Structure formats: structure tokens, C-alpha cells
Amino acid sequence: MSIDLQFSTAELNRLGARPEALAKLNEQDQADLLEGIGALVESQTHRRIRDEKTGPDGTPWDGWSDGYRNTRHGGNSLLMGEGHLDDSIQYLIEGDQVSVGSNLIYAAIHQLGGTPDMAPGPAAIPARPFLGLSQDDEQDVADLMEDFLADQVKELAR
């Protein structure tokens, strides 16, 4: 199971890109834009896991249960035990979409949380969403797109 976040050039106008400007981009330009968005959102996701310890909406993640806390060793923090989840975050471009996520089987349980009827320990845990965009993240993506499109206009003017 994997969990991811996707962007499509057809949906970028929600973040402020004008459809007519995007329509003028050739396939390579679109791929370059998606590459930039993927790298940015991947970086934002790493920051959320490593440092912020909050969901994209700004809600702090629930801490460890007392029993689980007793099993942790120095230097461990929420979702950063050995760093496997953080290391698994990557982006993938397919056509006009970029997906950012993890292919680890346990990524979804951390993102979505478990339910009380699940086995304690690995499954019945609170959601600690690490994928998604905060308002600041959305603004960063919009700024990246604006800068990218401005560079494209300058290039066309040459």
C-alpha cells in the first residue's frame, strides 16, 4: 500500500496559475515545473516529519502512548525512529501529474491512524498526517509556479 499527494497541471490554476499561461508551456516546460513542485513538496514533507511534528493543518501530532514511550531510545522522535519513513518520501512524475508519498506499507497507518478495534501497538494509533499542504506550503507552491511562469515569459521574449 502506498499513500501519496498528487498535483496535476490541469489543477494548478487553483493555486493561482492561469490556465492560458499553463497551456503555453510545452511538455518539457511542464515536466520541469512538475519536477520543481515535486522537489518542493518532498522537502516540505521532510520538514514536517523531521522538525514540525504537525499535520498540514497545523495540528500537533499526538505523542506516544506511555507504554510505547518506554521502548524509545535516545534521539528517537515521532515518526523518526530509524528514519525509514522519512527516507521513503519521494516524488514521481507521470504525465501531467506529480505524486509525493511513501511506498512503505505502514505509511498509511501513520497518515490516517488506526481504529480502536485494531490490535494495540502497530495498528491502533492516532493519525499523524505528514502528507498534504499547509497554507504556507500552498503559497510556496504558488510562488514557485509564479516564478517559473515569469521565467518562461522572459524566455519567450528573447
Protein backbone atom coordinates (compact mmCIF):
# COMPACT_ATOMS: atom_id res chain seq x y z
CA MET A 1 0.00 0.00 0.00
CA SER A 2 1.21 3.49 -0.70
CA ILE A 3 -0.14 6.89 0.14
CA ASP A 4 0.55 10.00 -1.86
CA LEU A 5 -0.38 13.54 -2.70
CA GLN A 6 -0.87 14.41 -6.37
CA PHE A 7 -0.70 17.57 -8.43
CA SER A 8 -1.90 17.85 -11.99
CA THR A 9 -1.14 20.74 -14.31
CA ALA A 10 -4.88 20.76 -15.03
CA GLU A 11 -5.48 21.60 -11.35
CA LEU A 12 -2.70 24.13 -10.80
CA ASN A 13 -4.97 27.09 -11.51
CA ARG A 14 -6.49 26.52 -8.04
CA LEU A 15 -3.15 27.70 -6.68
CA GLY A 16 -3.11 30.77 -8.88
CA ALA A 17 -1.73 29.63 -12.24
CA ARG A 18 -3.69 30.99 -15.17
CA PRO A 19 -4.88 28.19 -17.49
CA GLU A 20 -3.85 30.19 -20.57
CA ALA A 21 -0.31 30.53 -19.23
CA LEU A 22 -0.08 26.81 -18.48
CA ALA A 23 -1.45 25.98 -21.93
CA LYS A 24 1.54 27.76 -23.49
CA LEU A 25 4.03 25.53 -21.74
CA ASN A 26 5.45 22.75 -23.86
CA GLU A 27 5.79 19.24 -22.48
CA GLN A 28 9.36 19.80 -21.29
CA ASP A 29 8.38 23.03 -19.55
CA GLN A 30 5.52 21.21 -17.79
CA ALA A 31 7.88 18.41 -16.75
CA ASP A 32 10.32 20.99 -15.37
CA LEU A 33 7.51 22.70 -13.44
CA LEU A 34 6.30 19.38 -12.03
CA GLU A 35 9.90 18.49 -11.12
CA GLY A 36 10.16 21.73 -9.15
CA ILE A 37 6.81 21.18 -7.42
CA GLY A 38 7.73 17.59 -6.57
CA ALA A 39 11.07 18.59 -5.07
CA LEU A 40 9.46 21.42 -3.09
CA VAL A 41 6.63 19.32 -1.65
CA GLU A 42 9.03 16.47 -0.86
CA SER A 43 11.18 18.96 1.06
CA GLN A 44 8.12 20.33 2.90
CA THR A 45 7.14 16.78 3.86
CA HIS A 46 10.63 16.02 5.20
CA ARG A 47 10.48 19.20 7.28
CA ARG A 48 7.09 18.20 8.70
CA ILE A 49 8.40 14.75 9.71
CA ARG A 50 11.82 15.86 10.98
CA ASP A 51 11.06 19.13 12.69
CA GLU A 52 7.48 20.37 12.84
CA LYS A 53 5.66 17.24 14.09
CA THR A 54 2.32 18.70 12.98
CA GLY A 55 -0.25 17.87 10.33
CA PRO A 56 -0.58 20.10 7.28
CA ASP A 57 -3.41 21.92 9.08
CA GLY A 58 -1.01 22.84 11.90
CA THR A 59 -2.45 20.39 14.44
CA PRO A 60 0.34 18.94 16.60
CA TRP A 61 0.65 15.17 16.39
CA ASP A 62 -0.44 13.15 19.40
CA GLY A 63 2.50 11.95 21.44
CA TRP A 64 3.46 8.35 22.07
CA SER A 65 1.49 6.21 24.49
CA ASP A 66 3.24 5.69 27.83
CA GLY A 67 3.98 2.06 27.01
CA TYR A 68 5.48 2.88 23.63
CA ARG A 69 7.48 5.82 25.00
CA ASN A 70 9.28 3.40 27.32
CA THR A 71 10.58 1.45 24.30
CA ARG A 72 12.13 4.50 22.60
CA HIS A 73 15.82 5.21 22.77
CA GLY A 74 17.73 8.49 22.82
CA GLY A 75 17.36 10.53 19.66
CA ASN A 76 14.07 8.97 18.53
CA SER A 77 11.12 11.23 17.86
CA LEU A 78 7.63 10.83 16.42
CA LEU A 79 7.79 9.10 13.01
CA MET A 80 11.59 9.27 13.04
CA GLY A 81 12.66 6.04 14.82
CA GLU A 82 15.28 4.79 12.39
CA GLY A 83 14.33 7.34 9.71
CA HIS A 84 12.83 4.81 7.29
CA LEU A 85 9.57 6.70 6.73
CA ASP A 86 11.40 9.98 6.17
CA ASP A 87 13.87 8.26 3.83
CA SER A 88 10.99 6.77 1.83
CA ILE A 89 9.40 10.12 0.94
CA GLN A 90 9.84 10.76 -2.76
CA TYR A 91 8.09 12.24 -5.73
CA LEU A 92 7.19 10.64 -9.03
CA ILE A 93 6.15 12.37 -12.23
CA GLU A 94 3.74 10.58 -14.53
CA GLY A 95 2.36 12.54 -17.46
CA ASP A 96 0.95 15.80 -16.16
CA GLN A 97 0.94 14.70 -12.51
CA VAL A 98 3.45 14.60 -9.70
CA SER A 99 2.82 12.38 -6.71
CA VAL A 100 4.58 12.80 -3.40
CA GLY A 101 4.42 9.99 -0.89
CA SER A 102 5.82 6.81 0.56
CA ASN A 103 5.62 3.23 -0.63
CA LEU A 104 6.15 1.82 2.86
CA ILE A 105 3.35 -0.47 3.97
CA TYR A 106 2.97 1.34 7.29
CA ALA A 107 2.88 4.88 5.86
CA ALA A 108 -0.91 4.86 5.54
CA ILE A 109 -1.49 3.89 9.18
CA HIS A 110 0.63 6.85 10.29
CA GLN A 111 -1.12 9.22 7.88
CA LEU A 112 -4.67 8.03 8.57
CA GLY A 113 -4.40 6.44 12.01
CA GLY A 114 -5.85 3.19 13.24
CA THR A 115 -9.15 2.38 14.87
CA PRO A 116 -9.88 1.16 18.39
CA ASP A 117 -10.86 -2.28 17.06
CA MET A 118 -7.35 -2.81 15.64
CA ALA A 119 -4.62 -4.61 17.54
CA PRO A 120 -2.82 -2.36 20.03
CA GLY A 121 0.70 -1.28 19.19
CA PRO A 122 1.27 -1.21 15.49
CA ALA A 123 -2.29 -0.52 14.36
CA ALA A 124 -4.44 1.28 16.94
CA ILE A 125 -2.51 4.54 16.75
CA PRO A 126 -3.63 8.12 16.25
CA ALA A 127 -3.33 9.71 12.83
CA ARG A 128 -0.18 11.74 12.39
CA PRO A 129 -0.69 13.23 8.92
CA PHE A 130 2.60 14.03 7.25
CA LEU A 131 1.37 14.37 3.65
CA GLY A 132 -0.55 17.40 2.50
CA LEU A 133 -0.10 21.11 2.16
CA SER A 134 -0.39 23.78 4.81
CA GLN A 135 -1.46 27.26 3.74
CA ASP A 136 2.20 28.29 3.78
CA ASP A 137 3.10 25.22 1.70
CA GLU A 138 0.40 26.12 -0.83
CA GLN A 139 1.77 29.65 -1.00
CA ASP A 140 5.28 28.28 -1.59
CA VAL A 141 3.96 26.16 -4.48
CA ALA A 142 2.06 29.16 -5.89
CA ASP A 143 5.23 31.30 -5.61
CA LEU A 144 7.28 28.61 -7.34
CA MET A 145 4.74 28.45 -10.18
CA GLU A 146 4.64 32.24 -10.50
CA ASP A 147 8.44 32.42 -10.66
CA PHE A 148 8.57 29.55 -13.13
CA LEU A 149 5.95 31.12 -15.41
CA ALA A 150 7.65 34.54 -15.18
CA ASP A 151 10.92 32.93 -16.29
CA GLN A 152 9.10 31.28 -19.19
CA VAL A 153 7.65 34.64 -20.30
CA LYS A 154 11.13 36.20 -20.16
CA GLU A 155 12.49 33.32 -22.21
CA LEU A 156 9.76 33.77 -24.84
CA ALA A 157 10.52 37.49 -25.03
CA ARG A 158 14.10 36.82 -26.08
